[in-house]
Amino acid sequence: MATAKKAAAKKAPAVQKAAAAETPAAPAKKTPNAAFMKAMTPSAALAAVIGKQPAPRTEVTKKIWEYIKKHKLQDAANKRMINADAKLKVIFKKDQVSMFEMTKLISEHLS
């Protein structure tokens, strides 16, 4: 009878731990930064790649990546590097840029 009480006592804390694991504390919701969501007008050179419509910076970056992948402009050996074609060379002013440098160069063509 003593072993039955010990077994019951051991099971009870395990149930409480499982219940606590099921209800994790809700993480704080992040609100999007308004500066990223503001529609920006692309320059003529950038409009040749993404279109003339004003778009938020996030959408501009997505459209540039769609263009890069569609035309297979990522460097085969180093995927972080982007090889510029004629349209992108006007924006980047170089033959090849890193994907981190790309967003800085694109921001110069947004107003």
PDB file of N, CA and C in Angstrom:
ATOM      1  N   MET A   1       0.816  -1.178   0.000  1.00  0.00           N
ATOM      2  CA  MET A   1       0.000   0.000   0.000  1.00  0.00           C
ATOM      3  C   MET A   1       0.877   1.266   0.000  1.00  0.00           C
ATOM      4  N   ALA A   2       2.003   1.178   0.640  1.00  0.00           N
ATOM      5  CA  ALA A   2       2.921   2.313   0.677  1.00  0.00           C
ATOM      6  C   ALA A   2       3.457   2.626  -0.713  1.00  0.00           C
ATOM      7  N   THR A   3       3.685   1.588  -1.542  1.00  0.00           N
ATOM      8  CA  THR A   3       4.186   1.829  -2.897  1.00  0.00           C
ATOM      9  C   THR A   3       3.123   2.464  -3.772  1.00  0.00           C
ATOM     10  N   ALA A   4       1.861   2.166  -3.533  1.00  0.00           N
ATOM     11  CA  ALA A   4       0.785   2.761  -4.309  1.00  0.00           C
ATOM     12  C   ALA A   4       0.705   4.257  -4.055  1.00  0.00           C
ATOM     13  N   LYS A   5       0.903   4.695  -2.820  1.00  0.00           N
ATOM     14  CA  LYS A   5       0.859   6.117  -2.497  1.00  0.00           C
ATOM     15  C   LYS A   5       2.038   6.843  -3.128  1.00  0.00           C
ATOM     16  N   LYS A   6       3.231   6.199  -3.118  1.00  0.00           N
ATOM     17  CA  LYS A   6       4.411   6.825  -3.714  1.00  0.00           C
ATOM     18  C   LYS A   6       4.244   6.971  -5.224  1.00  0.00           C
ATOM     19  N   ALA A   7       3.664   5.952  -5.867  1.00  0.00           N
ATOM     20  CA  ALA A   7       3.459   6.009  -7.309  1.00  0.00           C
ATOM     21  C   ALA A   7       2.470   7.113  -7.651  1.00  0.00           C
ATOM     22  N   ALA A   8       1.396   7.250  -6.876  1.00  0.00           N
ATOM     23  CA  ALA A   8       0.398   8.293  -7.109  1.00  0.00           C
ATOM     24  C   ALA A   8       1.014   9.669  -6.882  1.00  0.00           C
ATOM     25  N   ALA A   9       1.848   9.777  -5.880  1.00  0.00           N
ATOM     26  CA  ALA A   9       2.486  11.049  -5.578  1.00  0.00           C
ATOM     27  C   ALA A   9       3.456  11.449  -6.685  1.00  0.00           C
ATOM     28  N   LYS A  10       4.114  10.482  -7.294  1.00  0.00           N
ATOM     29  CA  LYS A  10       5.059  10.789  -8.371  1.00  0.00           C
ATOM     30  C   LYS A  10       4.329  11.221  -9.636  1.00  0.00           C
ATOM     31  N   LYS A  11       3.147  10.676  -9.923  1.00  0.00           N
ATOM     32  CA  LYS A  11       2.415  11.001 -11.144  1.00  0.00           C
ATOM     33  C   LYS A  11       1.818  12.400 -11.089  1.00  0.00           C
ATOM     34  N   ALA A  12       1.398  12.865  -9.951  1.00  0.00           N
ATOM     35  CA  ALA A  12       0.728  14.155  -9.839  1.00  0.00           C
ATOM     36  C   ALA A  12       1.610  15.314 -10.306  1.00  0.00           C
ATOM     37  N   PRO A  13       2.880  15.433  -9.892  1.00  0.00           N
ATOM     38  CA  PRO A  13       3.690  16.553 -10.378  1.00  0.00           C
ATOM     39  C   PRO A  13       3.912  16.495 -11.888  1.00  0.00           C
ATOM     40  N   ALA A  14       4.005  15.316 -12.460  1.00  0.00           N
ATOM     41  CA  ALA A  14       4.210  15.189 -13.897  1.00  0.00           C
ATOM     42  C   ALA A  14       3.019  15.757 -14.650  1.00  0.00           C
ATOM     43  N   VAL A  15       1.820  15.554 -14.134  1.00  0.00           N
ATOM     44  CA  VAL A  15       0.616  16.089 -14.777  1.00  0.00           C
ATOM     45  C   VAL A  15       0.630  17.607 -14.703  1.00  0.00           C
ATOM     46  N   GLN A  16       1.040  18.164 -13.595  1.00  0.00           N
ATOM     47  CA  GLN A  16       1.091  19.605 -13.439  1.00  0.00           C
ATOM     48  C   GLN A  16       2.124  20.213 -14.386  1.00  0.00           C
ATOM     49  N   LYS A  17       3.265  19.569 -14.560  1.00  0.00           N
ATOM     50  CA  LYS A  17       4.282  20.069 -15.477  1.00  0.00           C
ATOM     51  C   LYS A  17       3.776  20.039 -16.904  1.00  0.00           C
ATOM     52  N   ALA A  18       3.058  18.976 -17.277  1.00  0.00           N
ATOM     53  CA  ALA A  18       2.529  18.876 -18.634  1.00  0.00           C
ATOM     54  C   ALA A  18       1.506  19.970 -18.876  1.00  0.00           C
ATOM     55  N   ALA A  19       0.672  20.260 -17.889  1.00  0.00           N
ATOM     56  CA  ALA A  19      -0.323  21.318 -18.043  1.00  0.00           C
ATOM     57  C   ALA A  19       0.356  22.672 -18.208  1.00  0.00           C
ATOM     58  N   ALA A  20       1.426  22.896 -17.481  1.00  0.00           N
ATOM     59  CA  ALA A  20       2.153  24.154 -17.595  1.00  0.00           C
ATOM     60  C   ALA A  20       2.824  24.280 -18.961  1.00  0.00           C
ATOM     61  N   ALA A  21       3.273  23.173 -19.524  1.00  0.00           N
ATOM     62  CA  ALA A  21       3.935  23.198 -20.827  1.00  0.00           C
ATOM     63  C   ALA A  21       2.948  23.495 -21.948  1.00  0.00           C
ATOM     64  N   GLU A  22       1.685  23.129 -21.763  1.00  0.00           N
ATOM     65  CA  GLU A  22       0.685  23.348 -22.803  1.00  0.00           C
ATOM     66  C   GLU A  22       0.299  24.812 -22.940  1.00  0.00           C
ATOM     67  N   THR A  23       0.421  25.591 -21.886  1.00  0.00           N
ATOM     68  CA  THR A  23       0.024  26.990 -21.945  1.00  0.00           C
ATOM     69  C   THR A  23       1.245  27.881 -21.752  1.00  0.00           C
ATOM     70  N   PRO A  24       2.070  28.038 -22.813  1.00  0.00           N
ATOM     71  CA  PRO A  24       3.247  28.891 -22.688  1.00  0.00           C
ATOM     72  C   PRO A  24       2.820  30.357 -22.619  1.00  0.00           C
ATOM     73  N   ALA A  25       3.666  31.186 -22.064  1.00  0.00           N
ATOM     74  CA  ALA A  25       3.379  32.608 -21.991  1.00  0.00           C
ATOM     75  C   ALA A  25       3.342  33.170 -23.415  1.00  0.00           C
ATOM     76  N   ALA A  26       2.336  33.983 -23.702  1.00  0.00           N
ATOM     77  CA  ALA A  26       2.175  34.539 -25.042  1.00  0.00           C
ATOM     78  C   ALA A  26       3.289  35.553 -25.305  1.00  0.00           C
ATOM     79  N   PRO A  27       4.023  35.413 -26.445  1.00  0.00           N
ATOM     80  CA  PRO A  27       5.073  36.390 -26.752  1.00  0.00           C
ATOM     81  C   PRO A  27       4.447  37.735 -27.120  1.00  0.00           C
ATOM     82  N   ALA A  28       5.152  38.786 -26.857  1.00  0.00           N
ATOM     83  CA  ALA A  28       4.651  40.123 -27.175  1.00  0.00           C
ATOM     84  C   ALA A  28       4.578  40.273 -28.690  1.00  0.00           C
ATOM     85  N   LYS A  29       3.463  40.823 -29.171  1.00  0.00           N
ATOM     86  CA  LYS A  29       3.302  40.999 -30.619  1.00  0.00           C
ATOM     87  C   LYS A  29       4.125  42.189 -31.079  1.00  0.00           C
ATOM     88  N   LYS A  30       4.811  42.009 -32.220  1.00  0.00           N
ATOM     89  CA  LYS A  30       5.591  43.089 -32.791  1.00  0.00           C
ATOM     90  C   LYS A  30       4.708  43.832 -33.791  1.00  0.00           C
ATOM     91  N   THR A  31       4.763  45.125 -33.734  1.00  0.00           N
ATOM     92  CA  THR A  31       4.024  45.908 -34.711  1.00  0.00           C
ATOM     93  C   THR A  31       4.985  46.286 -35.827  1.00  0.00           C
ATOM     94  N   PRO A  32       4.533  46.239 -37.081  1.00  0.00           N
ATOM     95  CA  PRO A  32       5.430  46.576 -38.183  1.00  0.00           C
ATOM     96  C   PRO A  32       5.838  48.051 -38.122  1.00  0.00           C
ATOM     97  N   ASN A  33       7.058  48.313 -38.523  1.00  0.00           N
ATOM     98  CA  ASN A  33       7.574  49.670 -38.549  1.00  0.00           C
ATOM     99  C   ASN A  33       6.898  50.427 -39.689  1.00  0.00           C
ATOM    100  N   ALA A  34       6.316  51.559 -39.390  1.00  0.00           N
ATOM    101  CA  ALA A  34       5.579  52.336 -40.395  1.00  0.00           C
ATOM    102  C   ALA A  34       6.478  52.799 -41.536  1.00  0.00           C
ATOM    103  N   ALA A  35       7.756  53.015 -41.249  1.00  0.00           N
ATOM    104  CA  ALA A  35       8.676  53.475 -42.297  1.00  0.00           C
ATOM    105  C   ALA A  35       8.848  52.419 -43.391  1.00  0.00           C
ATOM    106  N   PHE A  36       8.818  51.152 -43.026  1.00  0.00           N
ATOM    107  CA  PHE A  36       8.955  50.096 -44.024  1.00  0.00           C
ATOM    108  C   PHE A  36       7.680  49.918 -44.837  1.00  0.00           C
ATOM    109  N   MET A  37       6.546  50.292 -44.273  1.00  0.00           N
ATOM    110  CA  MET A  37       5.267  50.072 -44.935  1.00  0.00           C
ATOM    111  C   MET A  37       4.843  51.250 -45.811  1.00  0.00           C
ATOM    112  N   LYS A  38       5.546  52.368 -45.717  1.00  0.00           N
ATOM    113  CA  LYS A  38       5.208  53.543 -46.514  1.00  0.00           C
ATOM    114  C   LYS A  38       5.543  53.295 -47.986  1.00  0.00           C
ATOM    115  N   ALA A  39       4.594  53.587 -48.854  1.00  0.00           N
ATOM    116  CA  ALA A  39       4.808  53.395 -50.294  1.00  0.00           C
ATOM    117  C   ALA A  39       5.812  54.420 -50.800  1.00  0.00           C
ATOM    118  N   MET A  40       6.824  53.925 -51.495  1.00  0.00           N
ATOM    119  CA  MET A  40       7.878  54.776 -52.041  1.00  0.00           C
ATOM    120  C   MET A  40       7.814  54.730 -53.569  1.00  0.00           C
ATOM    121  N   THR A  41       8.145  55.850 -54.194  1.00  0.00           N
ATOM    122  CA  THR A  41       8.123  55.931 -55.653  1.00  0.00           C
ATOM    123  C   THR A  41       9.497  55.554 -56.197  1.00  0.00           C
ATOM    124  N   PRO A  42       9.560  54.553 -57.105  1.00  0.00           N
ATOM    125  CA  PRO A  42      10.864  54.160 -57.659  1.00  0.00           C
ATOM    126  C   PRO A  42      11.349  55.137 -58.726  1.00  0.00           C
ATOM    127  N   SER A  43      12.661  55.225 -58.893  1.00  0.00           N
ATOM    128  CA  SER A  43      13.243  56.044 -59.961  1.00  0.00           C
ATOM    129  C   SER A  43      12.960  55.354 -61.292  1.00  0.00           C
ATOM    130  N   ALA A  44      13.293  56.017 -62.383  1.00  0.00           N
ATOM    131  CA  ALA A  44      13.049  55.448 -63.712  1.00  0.00           C
ATOM    132  C   ALA A  44      13.852  54.159 -63.910  1.00  0.00           C
ATOM    133  N   ALA A  45      15.085  54.136 -63.418  1.00  0.00           N
ATOM    134  CA  ALA A  45      15.935  52.944 -63.571  1.00  0.00           C
ATOM    135  C   ALA A  45      15.358  51.768 -62.789  1.00  0.00           C
ATOM    136  N   LEU A  46      14.894  52.027 -61.569  1.00  0.00           N
ATOM    137  CA  LEU A  46      14.311  50.962 -60.750  1.00  0.00           C
ATOM    138  C   LEU A  46      12.948  50.545 -61.287  1.00  0.00           C
ATOM    139  N   ALA A  47      12.197  51.498 -61.841  1.00  0.00           N
ATOM    140  CA  ALA A  47      10.880  51.194 -62.409  1.00  0.00           C
ATOM    141  C   ALA A  47      10.994  50.247 -63.601  1.00  0.00           C
ATOM    142  N   ALA A  48      12.131  50.269 -64.299  1.00  0.00           N
ATOM    143  CA  ALA A  48      12.344  49.353 -65.422  1.00  0.00           C
ATOM    144  C   ALA A  48      12.400  47.902 -64.936  1.00  0.00           C
ATOM    145  N   VAL A  49      12.750  47.696 -63.673  1.00  0.00           N
ATOM    146  CA  VAL A  49      12.860  46.343 -63.120  1.00  0.00           C
ATOM    147  C   VAL A  49      11.596  45.929 -62.386  1.00  0.00           C
ATOM    148  N   ILE A  50      11.054  46.819 -61.541  1.00  0.00           N
ATOM    149  CA  ILE A  50       9.926  46.425 -60.668  1.00  0.00           C
ATOM    150  C   ILE A  50       8.578  47.002 -61.081  1.00  0.00           C
ATOM    151  N   GLY A  51       8.563  47.978 -61.961  1.00  0.00           N
ATOM    152  CA  GLY A  51       7.314  48.617 -62.357  1.00  0.00           C
ATOM    153  C   GLY A  51       7.216  50.015 -61.777  1.00  0.00           C
ATOM    154  N   LYS A  52       6.289  50.830 -62.307  1.00  0.00           N
ATOM    155  CA  LYS A  52       6.177  52.232 -61.926  1.00  0.00           C
ATOM    156  C   LYS A  52       5.383  52.467 -60.651  1.00  0.00           C
ATOM    157  N   GLN A  53       4.609  51.490 -60.220  1.00  0.00           N
ATOM    158  CA  GLN A  53       3.737  51.677 -59.065  1.00  0.00           C
ATOM    159  C   GLN A  53       4.517  51.910 -57.771  1.00  0.00           C
ATOM    160  N   PRO A  54       4.096  52.881 -56.936  1.00  0.00           N
ATOM    161  CA  PRO A  54       4.727  53.054 -55.622  1.00  0.00           C
ATOM    162  C   PRO A  54       4.526  51.799 -54.779  1.00  0.00           C
ATOM    163  N   ALA A  55       5.538  51.409 -54.038  1.00  0.00           N
ATOM    164  CA  ALA A  55       5.476  50.192 -53.227  1.00  0.00           C
ATOM    165  C   ALA A  55       6.322  50.377 -51.971  1.00  0.00           C
ATOM    166  N   PRO A  56       5.964  49.677 -50.885  1.00  0.00           N
ATOM    167  CA  PRO A  56       6.800  49.725 -49.679  1.00  0.00           C
ATOM    168  C   PRO A  56       8.161  49.081 -49.939  1.00  0.00           C
ATOM    169  N   ARG A  57       9.134  49.426 -49.132  1.00  0.00           N
ATOM    170  CA  ARG A  57      10.485  48.896 -49.292  1.00  0.00           C
ATOM    171  C   ARG A  57      10.508  47.369 -49.285  1.00  0.00           C
ATOM    172  N   THR A  58       9.678  46.774 -48.447  1.00  0.00           N
ATOM    173  CA  THR A  58       9.650  45.310 -48.375  1.00  0.00           C
ATOM    174  C   THR A  58       9.220  44.703 -49.699  1.00  0.00           C
ATOM    175  N   GLU A  59       8.220  45.301 -50.342  1.00  0.00           N
ATOM    176  CA  GLU A  59       7.748  44.793 -51.636  1.00  0.00           C
ATOM    177  C   GLU A  59       8.782  45.035 -52.733  1.00  0.00           C
ATOM    178  N   VAL A  60       9.468  46.165 -52.666  1.00  0.00           N
ATOM    179  CA  VAL A  60      10.511  46.463 -53.654  1.00  0.00           C
ATOM    180  C   VAL A  60      11.590  45.392 -53.589  1.00  0.00           C
ATOM    181  N   THR A  61      12.016  45.047 -52.376  1.00  0.00           N
ATOM    182  CA  THR A  61      13.042  44.017 -52.201  1.00  0.00           C
ATOM    183  C   THR A  61      12.552  42.675 -52.727  1.00  0.00           C
ATOM    184  N   LYS A  62      11.301  42.330 -52.459  1.00  0.00           N
ATOM    185  CA  LYS A  62      10.743  41.067 -52.971  1.00  0.00           C
ATOM    186  C   LYS A  62      10.741  41.041 -54.486  1.00  0.00           C
ATOM    187  N   LYS A  63      10.343  42.158 -55.108  1.00  0.00           N
ATOM    188  CA  LYS A  63      10.289  42.215 -56.574  1.00  0.00           C
ATOM    189  C   LYS A  63      11.687  42.128 -57.183  1.00  0.00           C
ATOM    190  N   ILE A  64      12.664  42.754 -56.540  1.00  0.00           N
ATOM    191  CA  ILE A  64      14.047  42.666 -57.029  1.00  0.00           C
ATOM    192  C   ILE A  64      14.519  41.219 -56.969  1.00  0.00           C
ATOM    193  N   TRP A  65      14.232  40.528 -55.849  1.00  0.00           N
ATOM    194  CA  TRP A  65      14.644  39.123 -55.726  1.00  0.00           C
ATOM    195  C   TRP A  65      13.932  38.247 -56.746  1.00  0.00           C
ATOM    196  N   GLU A  66      12.659  38.521 -57.049  1.00  0.00           N
ATOM    197  CA  GLU A  66      11.947  37.773 -58.091  1.00  0.00           C
ATOM    198  C   GLU A  66      12.656  37.958 -59.429  1.00  0.00           C
ATOM    199  N   TYR A  67      13.047  39.188 -59.736  1.00  0.00           N
ATOM    200  CA  TYR A  67      13.754  39.488 -60.978  1.00  0.00           C
ATOM    201  C   TYR A  67      15.098  38.752 -61.026  1.00  0.00           C
ATOM    202  N   ILE A  68      15.840  38.779 -59.917  1.00  0.00           N
ATOM    203  CA  ILE A  68      17.149  38.128 -59.852  1.00  0.00           C
ATOM    204  C   ILE A  68      17.013  36.627 -60.076  1.00  0.00           C
ATOM    205  N   LYS A  69      16.041  36.015 -59.426  1.00  0.00           N
ATOM    206  CA  LYS A  69      15.860  34.565 -59.556  1.00  0.00           C
ATOM    207  C   LYS A  69      15.319  34.184 -60.928  1.00  0.00           C
ATOM    208  N   LYS A  70      14.431  35.011 -61.474  1.00  0.00           N
ATOM    209  CA  LYS A  70      13.864  34.734 -62.806  1.00  0.00           C
ATOM    210  C   LYS A  70      14.958  34.755 -63.881  1.00  0.00           C
ATOM    211  N   HIS A  71      15.887  35.698 -63.760  1.00  0.00           N
ATOM    212  CA  HIS A  71      16.960  35.834 -64.749  1.00  0.00           C
ATOM    213  C   HIS A  71      18.255  35.129 -64.345  1.00  0.00           C
ATOM    214  N   LYS A  72      18.199  34.354 -63.243  1.00  0.00           N
ATOM    215  CA  LYS A  72      19.344  33.562 -62.755  1.00  0.00           C
ATOM    216  C   LYS A  72      20.605  34.434 -62.612  1.00  0.00           C
ATOM    217  N   LEU A  73      20.484  35.497 -61.837  1.00  0.00           N
ATOM    218  CA  LEU A  73      21.587  36.437 -61.675  1.00  0.00           C
ATOM    219  C   LEU A  73      22.406  36.203 -60.407  1.00  0.00           C
ATOM    220  N   GLN A  74      21.997  35.231 -59.589  1.00  0.00           N
ATOM    221  CA  GLN A  74      22.798  34.905 -58.405  1.00  0.00           C
ATOM    222  C   GLN A  74      24.052  34.178 -58.854  1.00  0.00           C
ATOM    223  N   ASP A  75      25.182  34.523 -58.240  1.00  0.00           N
ATOM    224  CA  ASP A  75      26.444  33.876 -58.557  1.00  0.00           C
ATOM    225  C   ASP A  75      26.363  32.398 -58.171  1.00  0.00           C
ATOM    226  N   ALA A  76      26.774  31.504 -59.047  1.00  0.00           N
ATOM    227  CA  ALA A  76      26.670  30.063 -58.787  1.00  0.00           C
ATOM    228  C   ALA A  76      27.581  29.616 -57.650  1.00  0.00           C
ATOM    229  N   ALA A  77      28.762  30.183 -57.563  1.00  0.00           N
ATOM    230  CA  ALA A  77      29.722  29.771 -56.538  1.00  0.00           C
ATOM    231  C   ALA A  77      29.403  30.386 -55.178  1.00  0.00           C
ATOM    232  N   ASN A  78      28.981  31.639 -55.161  1.00  0.00           N
ATOM    233  CA  ASN A  78      28.690  32.353 -53.921  1.00  0.00           C
ATOM    234  C   ASN A  78      27.297  32.971 -54.043  1.00  0.00           C
ATOM    235  N   LYS A  79      26.299  32.326 -53.479  1.00  0.00           N
ATOM    236  CA  LYS A  79      24.900  32.742 -53.630  1.00  0.00           C
ATOM    237  C   LYS A  79      24.613  34.113 -53.023  1.00  0.00           C
ATOM    238  N   ARG A  80      25.518  34.626 -52.188  1.00  0.00           N
ATOM    239  CA  ARG A  80      25.301  35.948 -51.596  1.00  0.00           C
ATOM    240  C   ARG A  80      25.614  37.071 -52.570  1.00  0.00           C
ATOM    241  N   MET A  81      26.252  36.747 -53.677  1.00  0.00           N
ATOM    242  CA  MET A  81      26.622  37.763 -54.663  1.00  0.00           C
ATOM    243  C   MET A  81      25.628  37.759 -55.819  1.00  0.00           C
ATOM    244  N   ILE A  82      25.327  38.955 -56.316  1.00  0.00           N
ATOM    245  CA  ILE A  82      24.381  39.114 -57.414  1.00  0.00           C
ATOM    246  C   ILE A  82      25.126  39.716 -58.595  1.00  0.00           C
ATOM    247  N   ASN A  83      25.028  39.047 -59.736  1.00  0.00           N
ATOM    248  CA  ASN A  83      25.645  39.527 -60.965  1.00  0.00           C
ATOM    249  C   ASN A  83      24.636  40.432 -61.654  1.00  0.00           C
ATOM    250  N   ALA A  84      25.018  41.662 -61.954  1.00  0.00           N
ATOM    251  CA  ALA A  84      24.106  42.636 -62.539  1.00  0.00           C
ATOM    252  C   ALA A  84      24.013  42.458 -64.046  1.00  0.00           C
ATOM    253  N   ASP A  85      22.776  42.467 -64.541  1.00  0.00           N
ATOM    254  CA  ASP A  85      22.583  42.515 -65.991  1.00  0.00           C
ATOM    255  C   ASP A  85      22.484  43.998 -66.370  1.00  0.00           C
ATOM    256  N   ALA A  86      22.084  44.304 -67.601  1.00  0.00           N
ATOM    257  CA  ALA A  86      22.068  45.694 -68.065  1.00  0.00           C
ATOM    258  C   ALA A  86      21.159  46.578 -67.213  1.00  0.00           C
ATOM    259  N   LYS A  87      19.953  46.075 -66.847  1.00  0.00           N
ATOM    260  CA  LYS A  87      19.013  46.874 -66.052  1.00  0.00           C
ATOM    261  C   LYS A  87      19.524  47.092 -64.630  1.00  0.00           C
ATOM    262  N   LEU A  88      20.068  46.062 -64.020  1.00  0.00           N
ATOM    263  CA  LEU A  88      20.539  46.186 -62.639  1.00  0.00           C
ATOM    264  C   LEU A  88      21.853  46.956 -62.543  1.00  0.00           C
ATOM    265  N   LYS A  89      22.634  46.944 -63.605  1.00  0.00           N
ATOM    266  CA  LYS A  89      23.920  47.657 -63.588  1.00  0.00           C
ATOM    267  C   LYS A  89      23.693  49.165 -63.444  1.00  0.00           C
ATOM    268  N   VAL A  90      22.578  49.655 -63.995  1.00  0.00           N
ATOM    269  CA  VAL A  90      22.241  51.070 -63.863  1.00  0.00           C
ATOM    270  C   VAL A  90      21.949  51.399 -62.395  1.00  0.00           C
ATOM    271  N   ILE A  91      21.317  50.476 -61.682  1.00  0.00           N
ATOM    272  CA  ILE A  91      20.972  50.683 -60.272  1.00  0.00           C
ATOM    273  C   ILE A  91      22.187  50.478 -59.373  1.00  0.00           C
ATOM    274  N   PHE A  92      22.907  49.378 -59.588  1.00  0.00           N
ATOM    275  CA  PHE A  92      24.021  49.005 -58.708  1.00  0.00           C
ATOM    276  C   PHE A  92      25.316  49.760 -59.014  1.00  0.00           C
ATOM    277  N   LYS A  93      25.504  50.185 -60.258  1.00  0.00           N
ATOM    278  CA  LYS A  93      26.720  50.867 -60.716  1.00  0.00           C
ATOM    279  C   LYS A  93      27.960  49.979 -60.635  1.00  0.00           C
ATOM    280  N   LYS A  94      27.766  48.664 -60.557  1.00  0.00           N
ATOM    281  CA  LYS A  94      28.857  47.683 -60.515  1.00  0.00           C
ATOM    282  C   LYS A  94      28.397  46.421 -61.245  1.00  0.00           C
ATOM    283  N   ASP A  95      29.359  45.550 -61.558  1.00  0.00           N
ATOM    284  CA  ASP A  95      29.028  44.272 -62.194  1.00  0.00           C
ATOM    285  C   ASP A  95      28.481  43.272 -61.188  1.00  0.00           C
ATOM    286  N   GLN A  96      28.937  43.360 -59.937  1.00  0.00           N
ATOM    287  CA  GLN A  96      28.532  42.388 -58.925  1.00  0.00           C
ATOM    288  C   GLN A  96      28.436  43.075 -57.563  1.00  0.00           C
ATOM    289  N   VAL A  97      27.342  42.763 -56.826  1.00  0.00           N
ATOM    290  CA  VAL A  97      27.160  43.310 -55.477  1.00  0.00           C
ATOM    291  C   VAL A  97      26.734  42.194 -54.544  1.00  0.00           C
ATOM    292  N   SER A  98      26.961  42.398 -53.238  1.00  0.00           N
ATOM    293  CA  SER A  98      26.483  41.413 -52.269  1.00  0.00           C
ATOM    294  C   SER A  98      25.012  41.703 -51.980  1.00  0.00           C
ATOM    295  N   MET A  99      24.304  40.696 -51.503  1.00  0.00           N
ATOM    296  CA  MET A  99      22.881  40.882 -51.241  1.00  0.00           C
ATOM    297  C   MET A  99      22.658  41.872 -50.103  1.00  0.00           C
ATOM    298  N   PHE A 100      23.644  42.065 -49.229  1.00  0.00           N
ATOM    299  CA  PHE A 100      23.523  43.023 -48.139  1.00  0.00           C
ATOM    300  C   PHE A 100      23.706  44.453 -48.644  1.00  0.00           C
ATOM    301  N   GLU A 101      24.571  44.613 -49.616  1.00  0.00           N
ATOM    302  CA  GLU A 101      24.833  45.913 -50.212  1.00  0.00           C
ATOM    303  C   GLU A 101      23.683  46.318 -51.143  1.00  0.00           C
ATOM    304  N   MET A 102      22.995  45.340 -51.680  1.00  0.00           N
ATOM    305  CA  MET A 102      21.927  45.581 -52.644  1.00  0.00           C
ATOM    306  C   MET A 102      20.840  46.494 -52.082  1.00  0.00           C
ATOM    307  N   THR A 103      20.376  46.252 -50.855  1.00  0.00           N
ATOM    308  CA  THR A 103      19.287  47.057 -50.295  1.00  0.00           C
ATOM    309  C   THR A 103      19.706  48.515 -50.119  1.00  0.00           C
ATOM    310  N   LYS A 104      20.964  48.745 -49.778  1.00  0.00           N
ATOM    311  CA  LYS A 104      21.460  50.116 -49.643  1.00  0.00           C
ATOM    312  C   LYS A 104      21.439  50.827 -50.997  1.00  0.00           C
ATOM    313  N   LEU A 105      21.870  50.135 -52.036  1.00  0.00           N
ATOM    314  CA  LEU A 105      21.902  50.715 -53.377  1.00  0.00           C
ATOM    315  C   LEU A 105      20.503  50.962 -53.926  1.00  0.00           C
ATOM    316  N   ILE A 106      19.570  50.083 -53.575  1.00  0.00           N
ATOM    317  CA  ILE A 106      18.181  50.249 -54.033  1.00  0.00           C
ATOM    318  C   ILE A 106      17.540  51.447 -53.340  1.00  0.00           C
ATOM    319  N   SER A 107      17.845  51.662 -52.066  1.00  0.00           N
ATOM    320  CA  SER A 107      17.219  52.756 -51.327  1.00  0.00           C
ATOM    321  C   SER A 107      17.541  54.118 -51.940  1.00  0.00           C
ATOM    322  N   GLU A 108      18.663  54.225 -52.648  1.00  0.00           N
ATOM    323  CA  GLU A 108      19.009  55.479 -53.329  1.00  0.00           C
ATOM    324  C   GLU A 108      18.059  55.777 -54.489  1.00  0.00           C
ATOM    325  N   HIS A 109      17.350  54.747 -54.960  1.00  0.00           N
ATOM    326  CA  HIS A 109      16.447  54.911 -56.101  1.00  0.00           C
ATOM    327  C   HIS A 109      14.990  55.002 -55.679  1.00  0.00           C
ATOM    328  N   LEU A 110      14.745  55.198 -54.383  1.00  0.00           N
ATOM    329  CA  LEU A 110      13.384  55.347 -53.870  1.00  0.00           C
ATOM    330  C   LEU A 110      13.201  56.725 -53.291  1.00  0.00           C
ATOM    331  N   SER A 111      12.039  57.314 -53.556  1.00  0.00           N
ATOM    332  CA  SER A 111      11.740  58.628 -52.966  1.00  0.00           C
ATOM    333  C   SER A 111      10.306  58.688 -52.500  1.00  0.00           C
TER     334      SER A 111
END
